[in-house]
Amino acid sequence: MKDIKIIGEKLNNVPWQDKMNNCNSPVWRYSNNPIINRNPVKNISRIFNSAVMPYNDKFVGVFRAETINGCPHLHLGWSIDGLNWDIDENRINFIDEDRNAYQPQYAYDPRLVKIDNVYYIIWCTDFCGPTLGIAKTEDFKTFIRMENPFLPFNRNGVLFPKKINNRFILLSRPSDSGHTPFGDIFLSESPDLKFWGQHRHVMSKGGKGWWQSMKIGGGAVPIETTEGWLLFYHGVVNTCNGYVYSMGATLLDKEEPSRVKYRSENYILTPEEWYEERGFVDNVIFPCATLHDAETGRIAIYYGAADTYVGVAFTTVTDIINYIIDNNEVIDGDTDIGKI
């Protein structure tokens, strides 16, 4: 077993619960899931598929909140322990770079990342069809929304937490106006978060198993490790009873992140608990964020459950990456740099 380290900062108060003795998986659920239930805040029916990260001596979250008219918006939340959250009743107010109001018509599935002391939010927004929105803040008080990076149709935007070769790196999943038959993860580069190019194919759907046969999508912000970039993602299978979303894990090359080093053949978490199997959309596990401690290697994974709840699961960087390596299955040119 390789001794693997997270490259990053200590996070002494990372949420944590030891693995149960009867658990054979490299990832295990928090016993008090879900950490956010239905109707958590006035006029909000459901919160799920949301992003969290450390901020000063506490935690900040950007939450996908379904309002009681059914439209999703982004709401801010705060927590001392990463498990119990106070969520704002009012949605985040975005302004453009000229300080004019610039509110999205809808916003869902946010990711949150810090790069060079600036915090960026990436989400799915409306631009004559679903595509990616992006905003920045330095204090979680003023949120400056930037121009949408891509044309429709696109989802699952995930920024890397550092520049590579002085470029911002963004994962996404191009799609069409339906339920995403293209289904693969791609990578794009930008010098300034305005102009994007050098697009690369990263990962294909499929494989010997069926759990990611329909489509895949980037999940949490990649974690830099001594073995490469650790990415938790979702995979989808279309069953006779509808879609099932599970969580997978892969390891990308540190300098060429469009190249997959290892990829787990198996899912690492699939809907099994009541809050994952039953909700507004049944059978969904959708990872969007992690908290992790470089000193201990502990990782807390935040995921949306059944488009209704927020759950947390745990692993260590050594456990999960060794599991990926031991169960490796790369697919359709994953190991290439993606310049097809």
C-alpha atoms as a PDB file:
ATOM      1  CA  MET A   1       0.000   0.000   0.000  1.00  0.00           C
ATOM      2  CA  LYS A   2       1.389   3.378  -1.014  1.00  0.00           C
ATOM      3  CA  ASP A   3       1.784   6.106   1.592  1.00  0.00           C
ATOM      4  CA  ILE A   4       0.065   9.054  -0.067  1.00  0.00           C
ATOM      5  CA  LYS A   5      -0.176  12.655   1.118  1.00  0.00           C
ATOM      6  CA  ILE A   6      -2.496  15.568   0.424  1.00  0.00           C
ATOM      7  CA  ILE A   7      -0.630  18.654  -0.787  1.00  0.00           C
ATOM      8  CA  GLY A   8      -2.259  21.582   0.955  1.00  0.00           C
ATOM      9  CA  GLU A   9      -3.088  23.090   4.312  1.00  0.00           C
ATOM     10  CA  LYS A  10      -3.921  21.632   7.691  1.00  0.00           C
ATOM     11  CA  LEU A  11      -7.590  21.617   8.633  1.00  0.00           C
ATOM     12  CA  ASN A  12      -7.689  20.519  12.238  1.00  0.00           C
ATOM     13  CA  ASN A  13     -11.462  20.842  12.521  1.00  0.00           C
ATOM     14  CA  VAL A  14     -12.336  18.816   9.421  1.00  0.00           C
ATOM     15  CA  PRO A  15     -15.582  16.908  10.096  1.00  0.00           C
ATOM     16  CA  TRP A  16     -14.802  13.293  10.889  1.00  0.00           C
ATOM     17  CA  GLN A  17     -16.231   9.981  12.039  1.00  0.00           C
ATOM     18  CA  ASP A  18     -14.193   6.783  12.249  1.00  0.00           C
ATOM     19  CA  LYS A  19     -15.056   3.877   9.977  1.00  0.00           C
ATOM     20  CA  MET A  20     -17.374   1.256  11.410  1.00  0.00           C
ATOM     21  CA  ASN A  21     -15.834  -2.189  11.956  1.00  0.00           C
ATOM     22  CA  ASN A  22     -18.298  -3.841   9.551  1.00  0.00           C
ATOM     23  CA  CYS A  23     -17.596  -1.403   6.671  1.00  0.00           C
ATOM     24  CA  ASN A  24     -15.579  -2.890   3.789  1.00  0.00           C
ATOM     25  CA  SER A  25     -15.799   0.156   1.540  1.00  0.00           C
ATOM     26  CA  PRO A  26     -13.061   2.813   1.194  1.00  0.00           C
ATOM     27  CA  VAL A  27     -15.802   5.431   1.756  1.00  0.00           C
ATOM     28  CA  TRP A  28     -18.288   5.432   4.623  1.00  0.00           C
ATOM     29  CA  ARG A  29     -21.345   7.537   5.448  1.00  0.00           C
ATOM     30  CA  TYR A  30     -21.818   9.853   8.406  1.00  0.00           C
ATOM     31  CA  SER A  31     -24.136   8.065  10.832  1.00  0.00           C
ATOM     32  CA  ASN A  32     -26.250  11.216  11.370  1.00  0.00           C
ATOM     33  CA  ASN A  33     -26.998  11.815   7.681  1.00  0.00           C
ATOM     34  CA  PRO A  34     -28.660  13.730   6.214  1.00  0.00           C
ATOM     35  CA  ILE A  35     -27.104  16.866   7.663  1.00  0.00           C
ATOM     36  CA  ILE A  36     -29.667  19.081   5.878  1.00  0.00           C
ATOM     37  CA  ASN A  37     -33.293  17.932   5.744  1.00  0.00           C
ATOM     38  CA  ARG A  38     -36.392  19.083   3.877  1.00  0.00           C
ATOM     39  CA  ASN A  39     -37.745  22.610   4.410  1.00  0.00           C
ATOM     40  CA  PRO A  40     -34.598  23.795   6.202  1.00  0.00           C
ATOM     41  CA  VAL A  41     -35.252  27.526   5.829  1.00  0.00           C
ATOM     42  CA  LYS A  42     -38.325  29.680   5.269  1.00  0.00           C
ATOM     43  CA  ASN A  43     -39.465  29.500   1.614  1.00  0.00           C
ATOM     44  CA  ILE A  44     -36.865  26.814   0.769  1.00  0.00           C
ATOM     45  CA  SER A  45     -38.222  23.303   0.259  1.00  0.00           C
ATOM     46  CA  ARG A  46     -35.011  21.403  -0.460  1.00  0.00           C
ATOM     47  CA  ILE A  47     -31.224  21.915  -0.364  1.00  0.00           C
ATOM     48  CA  PHE A  48     -28.813  19.536  -2.129  1.00  0.00           C
ATOM     49  CA  ASN A  49     -25.841  19.446  -4.578  1.00  0.00           C
ATOM     50  CA  SER A  50     -23.976  22.190  -2.716  1.00  0.00           C
ATOM     51  CA  ALA A  51     -20.417  23.401  -2.077  1.00  0.00           C
ATOM     52  CA  VAL A  52     -18.518  24.108   1.150  1.00  0.00           C
ATOM     53  CA  MET A  53     -15.013  25.161   2.149  1.00  0.00           C
ATOM     54  CA  PRO A  54     -13.037  26.604   5.093  1.00  0.00           C
ATOM     55  CA  TYR A  55     -13.173  30.346   5.685  1.00  0.00           C
ATOM     56  CA  ASN A  56     -11.246  31.913   8.582  1.00  0.00           C
ATOM     57  CA  ASP A  57     -12.063  29.823  11.662  1.00  0.00           C
ATOM     58  CA  LYS A  58     -15.343  28.370  10.341  1.00  0.00           C
ATOM     59  CA  PHE A  59     -16.911  26.980   7.181  1.00  0.00           C
ATOM     60  CA  VAL A  60     -18.815  28.701   4.397  1.00  0.00           C
ATOM     61  CA  GLY A  61     -21.239  27.050   2.010  1.00  0.00           C
ATOM     62  CA  VAL A  62     -22.919  27.952  -1.262  1.00  0.00           C
ATOM     63  CA  PHE A  63     -26.116  25.947  -1.374  1.00  0.00           C
ATOM     64  CA  ARG A  64     -28.446  24.893  -4.158  1.00  0.00           C
ATOM     65  CA  ALA A  65     -31.803  25.906  -2.711  1.00  0.00           C
ATOM     66  CA  GLU A  66     -35.075  24.950  -4.363  1.00  0.00           C
ATOM     67  CA  THR A  67     -37.562  27.685  -3.480  1.00  0.00           C
ATOM     68  CA  ILE A  68     -41.232  26.898  -2.894  1.00  0.00           C
ATOM     69  CA  ASN A  69     -42.044  27.872  -6.479  1.00  0.00           C
ATOM     70  CA  GLY A  70     -39.640  25.153  -7.652  1.00  0.00           C
ATOM     71  CA  CYS A  71     -36.910  27.430  -9.027  1.00  0.00           C
ATOM     72  CA  PRO A  72     -33.300  26.895  -7.849  1.00  0.00           C
ATOM     73  CA  HIS A  73     -31.107  29.711  -6.554  1.00  0.00           C
ATOM     74  CA  LEU A  74     -27.844  29.965  -4.606  1.00  0.00           C
ATOM     75  CA  HIS A  75     -27.903  30.750  -0.896  1.00  0.00           C
ATOM     76  CA  LEU A  76     -25.018  31.358   1.492  1.00  0.00           C
ATOM     77  CA  GLY A  77     -24.563  29.384   4.710  1.00  0.00           C
ATOM     78  CA  TRP A  78     -22.191  29.243   7.685  1.00  0.00           C
ATOM     79  CA  SER A  79     -21.098  26.527  10.087  1.00  0.00           C
ATOM     80  CA  ILE A  80     -18.736  26.071  13.022  1.00  0.00           C
ATOM     81  CA  ASP A  81     -18.317  22.308  12.617  1.00  0.00           C
ATOM     82  CA  GLY A  82     -19.168  21.689   8.943  1.00  0.00           C
ATOM     83  CA  LEU A  83     -22.213  19.611   9.929  1.00  0.00           C
ATOM     84  CA  ASN A  84     -24.705  22.050  11.435  1.00  0.00           C
ATOM     85  CA  TRP A  85     -25.522  24.928   9.095  1.00  0.00           C
ATOM     86  CA  ASP A  86     -27.182  28.333   9.322  1.00  0.00           C
ATOM     87  CA  ILE A  87     -28.450  29.167   5.846  1.00  0.00           C
ATOM     88  CA  ASP A  88     -29.547  32.603   4.676  1.00  0.00           C
ATOM     89  CA  GLU A  89     -33.213  32.993   3.755  1.00  0.00           C
ATOM     90  CA  ASN A  90     -32.307  35.335   0.891  1.00  0.00           C
ATOM     91  CA  ARG A  91     -30.419  34.264  -2.204  1.00  0.00           C
ATOM     92  CA  ILE A  92     -26.987  35.622  -3.078  1.00  0.00           C
ATOM     93  CA  ASN A  93     -27.111  38.969  -4.874  1.00  0.00           C
ATOM     94  CA  PHE A  94     -24.723  39.108  -7.804  1.00  0.00           C
ATOM     95  CA  ILE A  95     -23.453  42.268  -9.494  1.00  0.00           C
ATOM     96  CA  ASP A  96     -21.452  42.606 -12.686  1.00  0.00           C
ATOM     97  CA  GLU A  97     -17.991  44.133 -12.930  1.00  0.00           C
ATOM     98  CA  ASP A  98     -19.571  47.580 -13.391  1.00  0.00           C
ATOM     99  CA  ARG A  99     -21.464  47.086 -10.102  1.00  0.00           C
ATOM    100  CA  ASN A 100     -24.849  46.652 -11.780  1.00  0.00           C
ATOM    101  CA  ALA A 101     -27.281  43.932 -10.691  1.00  0.00           C
ATOM    102  CA  TYR A 102     -26.599  40.705 -12.599  1.00  0.00           C
ATOM    103  CA  GLN A 103     -28.867  37.994 -11.204  1.00  0.00           C
ATOM    104  CA  PRO A 104     -29.125  34.592 -12.906  1.00  0.00           C
ATOM    105  CA  GLN A 105     -32.624  33.435 -13.841  1.00  0.00           C
ATOM    106  CA  TYR A 106     -31.790  30.182 -12.104  1.00  0.00           C
ATOM    107  CA  ALA A 107     -28.683  28.680 -10.543  1.00  0.00           C
ATOM    108  CA  TYR A 108     -27.898  25.143  -9.444  1.00  0.00           C
ATOM    109  CA  ASP A 109     -25.143  22.645  -8.569  1.00  0.00           C
ATOM    110  CA  PRO A 110     -22.506  25.150  -7.392  1.00  0.00           C
ATOM    111  CA  ARG A 111     -18.830  24.421  -6.819  1.00  0.00           C
ATOM    112  CA  LEU A 112     -16.656  26.678  -4.677  1.00  0.00           C
ATOM    113  CA  VAL A 113     -12.888  27.062  -4.927  1.00  0.00           C
ATOM    114  CA  LYS A 114     -10.147  29.389  -3.702  1.00  0.00           C
ATOM    115  CA  ILE A 115      -7.411  30.413  -6.158  1.00  0.00           C
ATOM    116  CA  ASP A 116      -4.789  33.036  -5.249  1.00  0.00           C
ATOM    117  CA  ASN A 117      -6.872  34.374  -2.339  1.00  0.00           C
ATOM    118  CA  VAL A 118      -9.998  34.850  -4.477  1.00  0.00           C
ATOM    119  CA  TYR A 119     -13.062  32.614  -4.068  1.00  0.00           C
ATOM    120  CA  TYR A 120     -14.848  31.497  -7.226  1.00  0.00           C
ATOM    121  CA  ILE A 121     -18.322  30.015  -7.576  1.00  0.00           C
ATOM    122  CA  ILE A 122     -19.138  27.921 -10.650  1.00  0.00           C
ATOM    123  CA  TRP A 123     -22.729  26.822 -11.248  1.00  0.00           C
ATOM    124  CA  CYS A 124     -25.203  25.855 -13.951  1.00  0.00           C
ATOM    125  CA  THR A 125     -27.088  28.898 -15.209  1.00  0.00           C
ATOM    126  CA  ASP A 126     -29.468  29.941 -17.969  1.00  0.00           C
ATOM    127  CA  PHE A 127     -27.979  31.351 -21.185  1.00  0.00           C
ATOM    128  CA  CYS A 128     -30.690  30.466 -23.716  1.00  0.00           C
ATOM    129  CA  GLY A 129     -30.238  26.983 -22.340  1.00  0.00           C
ATOM    130  CA  PRO A 130     -28.187  25.542 -19.476  1.00  0.00           C
ATOM    131  CA  THR A 131     -24.506  26.437 -19.357  1.00  0.00           C
ATOM    132  CA  LEU A 132     -21.953  27.551 -16.770  1.00  0.00           C
ATOM    133  CA  GLY A 133     -22.001  30.728 -14.689  1.00  0.00           C
ATOM    134  CA  ILE A 134     -19.049  32.072 -12.739  1.00  0.00           C
ATOM    135  CA  ALA A 135     -18.622  34.675  -9.992  1.00  0.00           C
ATOM    136  CA  LYS A 136     -15.914  35.772  -7.578  1.00  0.00           C
ATOM    137  CA  THR A 137     -15.731  37.160  -4.068  1.00  0.00           C
ATOM    138  CA  GLU A 138     -13.040  37.976  -1.557  1.00  0.00           C
ATOM    139  CA  ASP A 139     -15.230  38.417   1.521  1.00  0.00           C
ATOM    140  CA  PHE A 140     -18.532  36.567   0.895  1.00  0.00           C
ATOM    141  CA  LYS A 141     -20.287  39.901   1.049  1.00  0.00           C
ATOM    142  CA  THR A 142     -19.793  41.230  -2.480  1.00  0.00           C
ATOM    143  CA  PHE A 143     -20.267  38.716  -5.315  1.00  0.00           C
ATOM    144  CA  ILE A 144     -19.123  39.830  -8.770  1.00  0.00           C
ATOM    145  CA  ARG A 145     -20.603  37.749 -11.543  1.00  0.00           C
ATOM    146  CA  MET A 146     -18.414  37.438 -14.606  1.00  0.00           C
ATOM    147  CA  GLU A 147     -19.354  36.666 -18.208  1.00  0.00           C
ATOM    148  CA  ASN A 148     -20.525  33.102 -18.776  1.00  0.00           C
ATOM    149  CA  PRO A 149     -17.482  31.089 -19.875  1.00  0.00           C
ATOM    150  CA  PHE A 150     -19.218  28.791 -22.406  1.00  0.00           C
ATOM    151  CA  LEU A 151     -22.087  28.613 -24.845  1.00  0.00           C
ATOM    152  CA  PRO A 152     -24.986  26.302 -24.062  1.00  0.00           C
ATOM    153  CA  PHE A 153     -25.218  23.432 -23.485  1.00  0.00           C
ATOM    154  CA  ASN A 154     -22.844  22.609 -20.648  1.00  0.00           C
ATOM    155  CA  ARG A 155     -22.961  21.481 -17.022  1.00  0.00           C
ATOM    156  CA  ASN A 156     -20.805  20.352 -14.111  1.00  0.00           C
ATOM    157  CA  GLY A 157     -18.173  23.086 -14.163  1.00  0.00           C
ATOM    158  CA  VAL A 158     -15.302  22.370 -11.757  1.00  0.00           C
ATOM    159  CA  LEU A 159     -12.298  24.704 -11.406  1.00  0.00           C
ATOM    160  CA  PHE A 160      -8.954  23.318 -10.237  1.00  0.00           C
ATOM    161  CA  PRO A 161      -7.741  24.990  -7.005  1.00  0.00           C
ATOM    162  CA  LYS A 162      -4.522  26.287  -8.563  1.00  0.00           C
ATOM    163  CA  LYS A 163      -3.266  27.409 -11.925  1.00  0.00           C
ATOM    164  CA  ILE A 164      -1.277  24.919 -13.994  1.00  0.00           C
ATOM    165  CA  ASN A 165       1.327  26.470 -16.305  1.00  0.00           C
ATOM    166  CA  ASN A 166      -0.192  29.838 -15.349  1.00  0.00           C
ATOM    167  CA  ARG A 167      -3.607  28.840 -16.705  1.00  0.00           C
ATOM    168  CA  PHE A 168      -6.938  28.342 -14.989  1.00  0.00           C
ATOM    169  CA  ILE A 169      -8.180  24.803 -15.587  1.00  0.00           C
ATOM    170  CA  LEU A 170     -11.897  23.985 -15.794  1.00  0.00           C
ATOM    171  CA  LEU A 171     -13.631  20.622 -16.104  1.00  0.00           C
ATOM    172  CA  SER A 172     -17.058  20.517 -17.738  1.00  0.00           C
ATOM    173  CA  ARG A 173     -19.473  18.235 -19.536  1.00  0.00           C
ATOM    174  CA  PRO A 174     -20.732  19.497 -22.899  1.00  0.00           C
ATOM    175  CA  SER A 175     -24.225  18.297 -23.685  1.00  0.00           C
ATOM    176  CA  ASP A 176     -27.276  18.984 -25.806  1.00  0.00           C
ATOM    177  CA  SER A 177     -30.679  20.301 -24.796  1.00  0.00           C
ATOM    178  CA  GLY A 178     -31.830  16.876 -23.659  1.00  0.00           C
ATOM    179  CA  HIS A 179     -30.555  14.798 -20.791  1.00  0.00           C
ATOM    180  CA  THR A 180     -26.877  14.902 -21.785  1.00  0.00           C
ATOM    181  CA  PRO A 181     -26.303  12.054 -24.212  1.00  0.00           C
ATOM    182  CA  PHE A 182     -22.720  13.191 -24.910  1.00  0.00           C
ATOM    183  CA  GLY A 183     -21.755  12.196 -21.392  1.00  0.00           C
ATOM    184  CA  ASP A 184     -17.942  12.689 -21.204  1.00  0.00           C
ATOM    185  CA  ILE A 185     -15.778  15.043 -19.120  1.00  0.00           C
ATOM    186  CA  PHE A 186     -13.664  17.656 -20.913  1.00  0.00           C
ATOM    187  CA  LEU A 187     -11.061  20.204 -19.797  1.00  0.00           C
ATOM    188  CA  SER A 188     -10.555  23.810 -20.902  1.00  0.00           C
ATOM    189  CA  GLU A 189      -7.847  26.380 -20.138  1.00  0.00           C
ATOM    190  CA  SER A 190      -7.943  30.151 -19.678  1.00  0.00           C
ATOM    191  CA  PRO A 191      -5.365  32.854 -18.899  1.00  0.00           C
ATOM    192  CA  ASP A 192      -7.978  35.181 -17.366  1.00  0.00           C
ATOM    193  CA  LEU A 193     -11.301  33.343 -16.798  1.00  0.00           C
ATOM    194  CA  LYS A 194     -12.724  35.176 -19.815  1.00  0.00           C
ATOM    195  CA  PHE A 195     -11.258  33.468 -22.862  1.00  0.00           C
ATOM    196  CA  TRP A 196     -11.251  29.672 -22.951  1.00  0.00           C
ATOM    197  CA  GLY A 197      -9.456  27.270 -25.256  1.00  0.00           C
ATOM    198  CA  GLN A 198      -7.110  24.308 -25.599  1.00  0.00           C
ATOM    199  CA  HIS A 199     -10.031  22.020 -24.909  1.00  0.00           C
ATOM    200  CA  ARG A 200      -9.095  18.450 -24.054  1.00  0.00           C
ATOM    201  CA  HIS A 201     -11.036  15.233 -23.574  1.00  0.00           C
ATOM    202  CA  VAL A 202     -10.447  13.836 -20.070  1.00  0.00           C
ATOM    203  CA  MET A 203     -12.684  10.850 -19.349  1.00  0.00           C
ATOM    204  CA  SER A 204     -15.228   8.733 -21.192  1.00  0.00           C
ATOM    205  CA  LYS A 205     -18.423   7.232 -19.884  1.00  0.00           C
ATOM    206  CA  GLY A 206     -18.689   3.453 -20.005  1.00  0.00           C
ATOM    207  CA  GLY A 207     -16.407   0.651 -18.913  1.00  0.00           C
ATOM    208  CA  LYS A 208     -17.078  -2.969 -18.023  1.00  0.00           C
ATOM    209  CA  GLY A 209     -19.537  -1.987 -15.301  1.00  0.00           C
ATOM    210  CA  TRP A 210     -22.885  -0.314 -15.924  1.00  0.00           C
ATOM    211  CA  TRP A 211     -22.943   2.306 -13.169  1.00  0.00           C
ATOM    212  CA  GLN A 212     -21.384   5.007 -15.424  1.00  0.00           C
ATOM    213  CA  SER A 213     -22.646   3.774 -18.776  1.00  0.00           C
ATOM    214  CA  MET A 214     -24.900   6.756 -19.646  1.00  0.00           C
ATOM    215  CA  LYS A 215     -22.828   9.763 -18.570  1.00  0.00           C
ATOM    216  CA  ILE A 216     -20.279  11.054 -16.084  1.00  0.00           C
ATOM    217  CA  GLY A 217     -19.640  14.501 -14.639  1.00  0.00           C
ATOM    218  CA  GLY A 218     -17.066  16.256 -12.508  1.00  0.00           C
ATOM    219  CA  GLY A 219     -17.939  16.462  -8.834  1.00  0.00           C
ATOM    220  CA  ALA A 220     -15.869  18.018  -6.076  1.00  0.00           C
ATOM    221  CA  VAL A 221     -12.926  20.364  -6.682  1.00  0.00           C
ATOM    222  CA  PRO A 222      -9.886  18.129  -7.357  1.00  0.00           C
ATOM    223  CA  ILE A 223      -7.565  17.500  -4.404  1.00  0.00           C
ATOM    224  CA  GLU A 224      -3.821  17.777  -5.074  1.00  0.00           C
ATOM    225  CA  THR A 225      -1.908  14.757  -3.764  1.00  0.00           C
ATOM    226  CA  THR A 226       1.559  13.286  -4.096  1.00  0.00           C
ATOM    227  CA  GLU A 227       0.123  10.839  -6.685  1.00  0.00           C
ATOM    228  CA  GLY A 228      -1.846  13.346  -8.769  1.00  0.00           C
ATOM    229  CA  TRP A 229      -5.216  15.123  -8.726  1.00  0.00           C
ATOM    230  CA  LEU A 230      -7.873  13.168  -6.847  1.00  0.00           C
ATOM    231  CA  LEU A 231     -11.312  13.739  -8.405  1.00  0.00           C
ATOM    232  CA  PHE A 232     -14.609  12.491  -7.033  1.00  0.00           C
ATOM    233  CA  TYR A 233     -17.223  12.425  -9.806  1.00  0.00           C
ATOM    234  CA  HIS A 234     -20.676  11.058 -10.561  1.00  0.00           C
ATOM    235  CA  GLY A 235     -21.637   8.316 -12.976  1.00  0.00           C
ATOM    236  CA  VAL A 236     -25.140   7.575 -14.255  1.00  0.00           C
ATOM    237  CA  VAL A 237     -26.872   4.451 -15.509  1.00  0.00           C
ATOM    238  CA  ASN A 238     -30.287   4.484 -17.182  1.00  0.00           C
ATOM    239  CA  THR A 239     -32.306   1.634 -15.695  1.00  0.00           C
ATOM    240  CA  CYS A 240     -35.816   0.368 -16.437  1.00  0.00           C
ATOM    241  CA  ASN A 241     -36.912   2.439 -13.422  1.00  0.00           C
ATOM    242  CA  GLY A 242     -35.010   5.635 -14.283  1.00  0.00           C
ATOM    243  CA  TYR A 243     -31.561   7.133 -13.763  1.00  0.00           C
ATOM    244  CA  VAL A 244     -29.278   6.079 -10.906  1.00  0.00           C
ATOM    245  CA  TYR A 245     -26.425   8.405  -9.870  1.00  0.00           C
ATOM    246  CA  SER A 246     -23.400   6.944  -8.065  1.00  0.00           C
ATOM    247  CA  MET A 247     -20.042   8.344  -6.944  1.00  0.00           C
ATOM    248  CA  GLY A 248     -16.747   7.345  -8.535  1.00  0.00           C
ATOM    249  CA  ALA A 249     -13.118   8.364  -8.069  1.00  0.00           C
ATOM    250  CA  THR A 250     -10.186   8.891 -10.396  1.00  0.00           C
ATOM    251  CA  LEU A 251      -6.610  10.163 -10.307  1.00  0.00           C
ATOM    252  CA  LEU A 252      -5.462  12.706 -12.906  1.00  0.00           C
ATOM    253  CA  ASP A 253      -1.890  13.578 -13.868  1.00  0.00           C
ATOM    254  CA  LYS A 254      -0.556  16.601 -11.939  1.00  0.00           C
ATOM    255  CA  GLU A 255       0.952  18.412 -14.916  1.00  0.00           C
ATOM    256  CA  GLU A 256      -1.366  17.103 -17.657  1.00  0.00           C
ATOM    257  CA  PRO A 257      -4.742  16.764 -15.889  1.00  0.00           C
ATOM    258  CA  SER A 258      -6.460  15.750 -19.124  1.00  0.00           C
ATOM    259  CA  ARG A 259      -4.597  12.439 -18.708  1.00  0.00           C
ATOM    260  CA  VAL A 260      -6.088   9.831 -16.383  1.00  0.00           C
ATOM    261  CA  LYS A 261      -3.540   7.865 -14.351  1.00  0.00           C
ATOM    262  CA  TYR A 262      -5.953   5.537 -12.560  1.00  0.00           C
ATOM    263  CA  ARG A 263      -9.712   5.198 -12.400  1.00  0.00           C
ATOM    264  CA  SER A 264     -11.795   2.929 -10.222  1.00  0.00           C
ATOM    265  CA  GLU A 265     -13.799   0.331 -12.095  1.00  0.00           C
ATOM    266  CA  ASN A 266     -16.285   0.282  -9.213  1.00  0.00           C
ATOM    267  CA  TYR A 267     -18.428   3.012  -7.760  1.00  0.00           C
ATOM    268  CA  ILE A 268     -17.359   4.066  -4.265  1.00  0.00           C
ATOM    269  CA  LEU A 269     -20.841   5.074  -3.108  1.00  0.00           C
ATOM    270  CA  THR A 270     -24.252   4.235  -4.604  1.00  0.00           C
ATOM    271  CA  PRO A 271     -27.801   4.925  -3.359  1.00  0.00           C
ATOM    272  CA  GLU A 272     -28.540   2.520  -0.517  1.00  0.00           C
ATOM    273  CA  GLU A 273     -29.864   4.597   2.385  1.00  0.00           C
ATOM    274  CA  TRP A 274     -33.434   5.936   2.518  1.00  0.00           C
ATOM    275  CA  TYR A 275     -32.350   9.563   1.987  1.00  0.00           C
ATOM    276  CA  GLU A 276     -30.467   8.554  -1.187  1.00  0.00           C
ATOM    277  CA  GLU A 277     -33.115   6.235  -2.583  1.00  0.00           C
ATOM    278  CA  ARG A 278     -36.250   8.288  -1.887  1.00  0.00           C
ATOM    279  CA  GLY A 279     -36.787  11.976  -2.510  1.00  0.00           C
ATOM    280  CA  PHE A 280     -37.758  14.499  -5.169  1.00  0.00           C
ATOM    281  CA  VAL A 281     -35.551  12.502  -7.589  1.00  0.00           C
ATOM    282  CA  ASP A 282     -34.962   8.955  -6.382  1.00  0.00           C
ATOM    283  CA  ASN A 283     -31.583   7.180  -6.394  1.00  0.00           C
ATOM    284  CA  VAL A 284     -29.116  10.058  -6.565  1.00  0.00           C
ATOM    285  CA  ILE A 285     -25.675  10.529  -5.002  1.00  0.00           C
ATOM    286  CA  PHE A 286     -24.102  13.711  -6.405  1.00  0.00           C
ATOM    287  CA  PRO A 287     -20.734  14.861  -4.955  1.00  0.00           C
ATOM    288  CA  CYS A 288     -20.021  18.598  -5.087  1.00  0.00           C
ATOM    289  CA  ALA A 289     -17.396  19.370  -2.416  1.00  0.00           C
ATOM    290  CA  THR A 290     -14.815  18.074   0.031  1.00  0.00           C
ATOM    291  CA  LEU A 291     -13.103  19.295   3.168  1.00  0.00           C
ATOM    292  CA  HIS A 292      -9.689  17.737   3.715  1.00  0.00           C
ATOM    293  CA  ASP A 293      -6.754  17.890   6.109  1.00  0.00           C
ATOM    294  CA  ALA A 294      -3.234  17.586   4.704  1.00  0.00           C
ATOM    295  CA  GLU A 295      -1.809  16.535   8.072  1.00  0.00           C
ATOM    296  CA  THR A 296      -4.019  13.484   8.713  1.00  0.00           C
ATOM    297  CA  GLY A 297      -5.159  12.782   5.140  1.00  0.00           C
ATOM    298  CA  ARG A 298      -8.791  12.844   6.250  1.00  0.00           C
ATOM    299  CA  ILE A 299     -11.420  13.765   3.638  1.00  0.00           C
ATOM    300  CA  ALA A 300     -15.081  14.648   4.201  1.00  0.00           C
ATOM    301  CA  ILE A 301     -17.151  14.409   1.010  1.00  0.00           C
ATOM    302  CA  TYR A 302     -20.358  16.437   0.676  1.00  0.00           C
ATOM    303  CA  TYR A 303     -23.004  15.102  -1.664  1.00  0.00           C
ATOM    304  CA  GLY A 304     -26.567  15.747  -2.697  1.00  0.00           C
ATOM    305  CA  ALA A 305     -28.950  12.876  -1.963  1.00  0.00           C
ATOM    306  CA  ALA A 306     -32.118  12.212  -3.988  1.00  0.00           C
ATOM    307  CA  ASP A 307     -32.234  15.910  -5.010  1.00  0.00           C
ATOM    308  CA  THR A 308     -33.610  16.550  -1.533  1.00  0.00           C
ATOM    309  CA  TYR A 309     -30.938  16.269   1.173  1.00  0.00           C
ATOM    310  CA  VAL A 310     -27.245  16.869   1.888  1.00  0.00           C
ATOM    311  CA  GLY A 311     -25.137  13.944   3.094  1.00  0.00           C
ATOM    312  CA  VAL A 312     -21.526  13.557   4.187  1.00  0.00           C
ATOM    313  CA  ALA A 313     -19.188  10.613   3.697  1.00  0.00           C
ATOM    314  CA  PHE A 314     -15.609  10.041   4.824  1.00  0.00           C
ATOM    315  CA  THR A 315     -12.383   8.501   3.578  1.00  0.00           C
ATOM    316  CA  THR A 316      -8.632   9.028   3.802  1.00  0.00           C
ATOM    317  CA  VAL A 317      -6.373   9.940   0.919  1.00  0.00           C
ATOM    318  CA  THR A 318      -4.380   6.732   1.383  1.00  0.00           C
ATOM    319  CA  ASP A 319      -7.453   4.502   1.487  1.00  0.00           C
ATOM    320  CA  ILE A 320      -9.196   5.979  -1.534  1.00  0.00           C
ATOM    321  CA  ILE A 321      -6.203   6.298  -3.850  1.00  0.00           C
ATOM    322  CA  ASN A 322      -4.959   2.802  -3.077  1.00  0.00           C
ATOM    323  CA  TYR A 323      -8.477   1.557  -3.783  1.00  0.00           C
ATOM    324  CA  ILE A 324      -8.468   3.360  -7.149  1.00  0.00           C
ATOM    325  CA  ILE A 325      -5.090   1.863  -8.060  1.00  0.00           C
ATOM    326  CA  ASP A 326      -6.089  -1.646  -6.958  1.00  0.00           C
ATOM    327  CA  ASN A 327      -9.339  -1.492  -8.956  1.00  0.00           C
ATOM    328  CA  ASN A 328      -8.042   0.439 -11.937  1.00  0.00           C
ATOM    329  CA  GLU A 329      -9.919   0.451 -15.239  1.00  0.00           C
ATOM    330  CA  VAL A 330      -9.156   3.192 -17.757  1.00  0.00           C
ATOM    331  CA  ILE A 331     -11.529   3.639 -20.682  1.00  0.00           C
ATOM    332  CA  ASP A 332     -11.254   4.692 -24.346  1.00  0.00           C
ATOM    333  CA  GLY A 333      -8.054   6.716 -24.411  1.00  0.00           C
ATOM    334  CA  ASP A 334      -8.331   8.106 -20.858  1.00  0.00           C
ATOM    335  CA  THR A 335      -4.562   7.849 -20.459  1.00  0.00           C
ATOM    336  CA  ASP A 336      -3.912  10.128 -23.460  1.00  0.00           C
ATOM    337  CA  ILE A 337      -3.659  13.905 -23.002  1.00  0.00           C
ATOM    338  CA  GLY A 338      -7.015  14.307 -24.751  1.00  0.00           C
ATOM    339  CA  LYS A 339      -5.834  16.103 -27.871  1.00  0.00           C
ATOM    340  CA  ILE A 340      -7.847  14.040 -30.324  1.00  0.00           C
END
